[in-house]
């Protein structure tokens, strides 16, 4: 039987991940960010600053959207017995 490819046609979850990830770093460094800022990589400083710009409502929305994304994948995968995904060496 030939292999077939299928996908649930969901939006890229990057914004959900970015909001959750950057706000977690912002929370972690909230109390000492100015003291350790020059010890962090420029990329991490940028992530933390972006995380500080999100509101609590943005974070709550990201968690809601994550659950919608998860439930969409769960419903999609319910019709399959075996799922093979590509891997990288």
C-alpha atoms as a PDB file:
ATOM      1  CA  UNK A   1       0.000   0.000   0.000  1.00  0.00           C
ATOM      2  CA  UNK A   2       1.544   3.362  -0.970  1.00  0.00           C
ATOM      3  CA  UNK A   3       2.143   5.925   1.718  1.00  0.00           C
ATOM      4  CA  UNK A   4      -0.107   8.944   1.800  1.00  0.00           C
ATOM      5  CA  UNK A   5       0.479  12.355   3.298  1.00  0.00           C
ATOM      6  CA  UNK A   6      -2.117  14.252   5.266  1.00  0.00           C
ATOM      7  CA  UNK A   7      -2.172  17.401   7.352  1.00  0.00           C
ATOM      8  CA  UNK A   8      -4.940  19.108   9.386  1.00  0.00           C
ATOM      9  CA  UNK A   9      -4.419  22.477   7.647  1.00  0.00           C
ATOM     10  CA  UNK A  10      -3.716  24.465  10.812  1.00  0.00           C
ATOM     11  CA  UNK A  11      -2.024  27.831  11.023  1.00  0.00           C
ATOM     12  CA  UNK A  12       1.660  28.001  11.991  1.00  0.00           C
ATOM     13  CA  UNK A  13       1.746  27.982  15.818  1.00  0.00           C
ATOM     14  CA  UNK A  14       4.824  30.233  16.026  1.00  0.00           C
ATOM     15  CA  UNK A  15       3.010  33.199  17.628  1.00  0.00           C
ATOM     16  CA  UNK A  16       1.565  30.943  20.331  1.00  0.00           C
ATOM     17  CA  UNK A  17       5.010  29.528  21.077  1.00  0.00           C
ATOM     18  CA  UNK A  18       6.668  32.947  20.934  1.00  0.00           C
ATOM     19  CA  UNK A  19       4.268  34.541  23.411  1.00  0.00           C
ATOM     20  CA  UNK A  20       4.570  31.664  25.874  1.00  0.00           C
ATOM     21  CA  UNK A  21       8.340  31.322  25.501  1.00  0.00           C
ATOM     22  CA  UNK A  22       9.263  35.005  25.615  1.00  0.00           C
ATOM     23  CA  UNK A  23       6.985  35.782  28.569  1.00  0.00           C
ATOM     24  CA  UNK A  24       8.458  32.829  30.494  1.00  0.00           C
ATOM     25  CA  UNK A  25      11.948  34.305  30.024  1.00  0.00           C
ATOM     26  CA  UNK A  26      10.630  37.753  30.927  1.00  0.00           C
ATOM     27  CA  UNK A  27       9.128  36.368  34.140  1.00  0.00           C
ATOM     28  CA  UNK A  28      12.327  34.504  35.005  1.00  0.00           C
ATOM     29  CA  UNK A  29      14.484  37.636  34.640  1.00  0.00           C
ATOM     30  CA  UNK A  30      11.848  40.132  35.825  1.00  0.00           C
ATOM     31  CA  UNK A  31      13.500  40.929  39.155  1.00  0.00           C
ATOM     32  CA  UNK A  32      17.122  41.141  37.998  1.00  0.00           C
ATOM     33  CA  UNK A  33      17.018  41.877  34.260  1.00  0.00           C
ATOM     34  CA  UNK A  34      18.827  45.200  34.499  1.00  0.00           C
ATOM     35  CA  UNK A  35      21.545  43.657  36.693  1.00  0.00           C
ATOM     36  CA  UNK A  36      22.276  40.711  34.359  1.00  0.00           C
ATOM     37  CA  UNK A  37      21.348  42.210  31.003  1.00  0.00           C
ATOM     38  CA  UNK A  38      24.963  42.727  29.887  1.00  0.00           C
ATOM     39  CA  UNK A  39      25.755  39.068  30.717  1.00  0.00           C
ATOM     40  CA  UNK A  40      23.046  37.744  28.365  1.00  0.00           C
ATOM     41  CA  UNK A  41      23.318  37.201  24.632  1.00  0.00           C
ATOM     42  CA  UNK A  42      21.769  39.933  22.466  1.00  0.00           C
ATOM     43  CA  UNK A  43      19.228  37.423  21.139  1.00  0.00           C
ATOM     44  CA  UNK A  44      18.052  36.516  24.639  1.00  0.00           C
ATOM     45  CA  UNK A  45      17.832  40.187  25.608  1.00  0.00           C
ATOM     46  CA  UNK A  46      15.598  40.732  22.574  1.00  0.00           C
ATOM     47  CA  UNK A  47      13.385  37.776  23.519  1.00  0.00           C
ATOM     48  CA  UNK A  48      13.049  39.057  27.096  1.00  0.00           C
ATOM     49  CA  UNK A  49      12.192  42.578  25.931  1.00  0.00           C
ATOM     50  CA  UNK A  50       9.531  41.204  23.609  1.00  0.00           C
ATOM     51  CA  UNK A  51       8.155  39.111  26.473  1.00  0.00           C
ATOM     52  CA  UNK A  52       7.925  42.184  28.688  1.00  0.00           C
ATOM     53  CA  UNK A  53       5.794  43.902  26.035  1.00  0.00           C
ATOM     54  CA  UNK A  54       3.045  41.249  26.098  1.00  0.00           C
ATOM     55  CA  UNK A  55       0.087  41.702  28.436  1.00  0.00           C
ATOM     56  CA  UNK A  56      -1.461  39.139  30.724  1.00  0.00           C
ATOM     57  CA  UNK A  57      -4.368  38.944  28.279  1.00  0.00           C
ATOM     58  CA  UNK A  58      -1.888  38.110  25.479  1.00  0.00           C
ATOM     59  CA  UNK A  59      -0.487  35.261  27.565  1.00  0.00           C
ATOM     60  CA  UNK A  60      -3.952  33.946  28.438  1.00  0.00           C
ATOM     61  CA  UNK A  61      -4.921  34.079  24.764  1.00  0.00           C
ATOM     62  CA  UNK A  62      -1.793  32.137  23.827  1.00  0.00           C
ATOM     63  CA  UNK A  63      -2.771  29.376  26.267  1.00  0.00           C
ATOM     64  CA  UNK A  64      -6.300  29.313  24.854  1.00  0.00           C
ATOM     65  CA  UNK A  65      -4.953  29.133  21.296  1.00  0.00           C
ATOM     66  CA  UNK A  66      -2.524  26.375  22.315  1.00  0.00           C
ATOM     67  CA  UNK A  67      -5.463  24.315  23.564  1.00  0.00           C
ATOM     68  CA  UNK A  68      -7.369  24.906  20.314  1.00  0.00           C
ATOM     69  CA  UNK A  69      -4.282  23.853  18.345  1.00  0.00           C
ATOM     70  CA  UNK A  70      -3.831  20.739  20.502  1.00  0.00           C
ATOM     71  CA  UNK A  71      -7.493  19.724  20.212  1.00  0.00           C
ATOM     72  CA  UNK A  72      -7.380  20.166  16.438  1.00  0.00           C
ATOM     73  CA  UNK A  73      -4.375  17.846  16.185  1.00  0.00           C
ATOM     74  CA  UNK A  74      -5.929  15.366  18.623  1.00  0.00           C
ATOM     75  CA  UNK A  75      -9.136  15.171  16.576  1.00  0.00           C
ATOM     76  CA  UNK A  76      -7.163  14.849  13.339  1.00  0.00           C
ATOM     77  CA  UNK A  77      -4.933  12.051  14.656  1.00  0.00           C
ATOM     78  CA  UNK A  78      -7.853  10.113  16.119  1.00  0.00           C
ATOM     79  CA  UNK A  79      -8.541   8.629  12.679  1.00  0.00           C
ATOM     80  CA  UNK A  80      -5.049   7.131  12.319  1.00  0.00           C
ATOM     81  CA  UNK A  81      -3.544   3.956  13.738  1.00  0.00           C
ATOM     82  CA  UNK A  82       0.050   4.804  12.815  1.00  0.00           C
ATOM     83  CA  UNK A  83       1.777   8.125  12.248  1.00  0.00           C
ATOM     84  CA  UNK A  84       5.280   8.313  10.801  1.00  0.00           C
ATOM     85  CA  UNK A  85       7.136  11.593  10.870  1.00  0.00           C
ATOM     86  CA  UNK A  86      10.429  12.479   9.213  1.00  0.00           C
ATOM     87  CA  UNK A  87      13.528  12.836  11.349  1.00  0.00           C
ATOM     88  CA  UNK A  88      16.791  14.629  10.852  1.00  0.00           C
ATOM     89  CA  UNK A  89      20.206  12.975  11.268  1.00  0.00           C
END
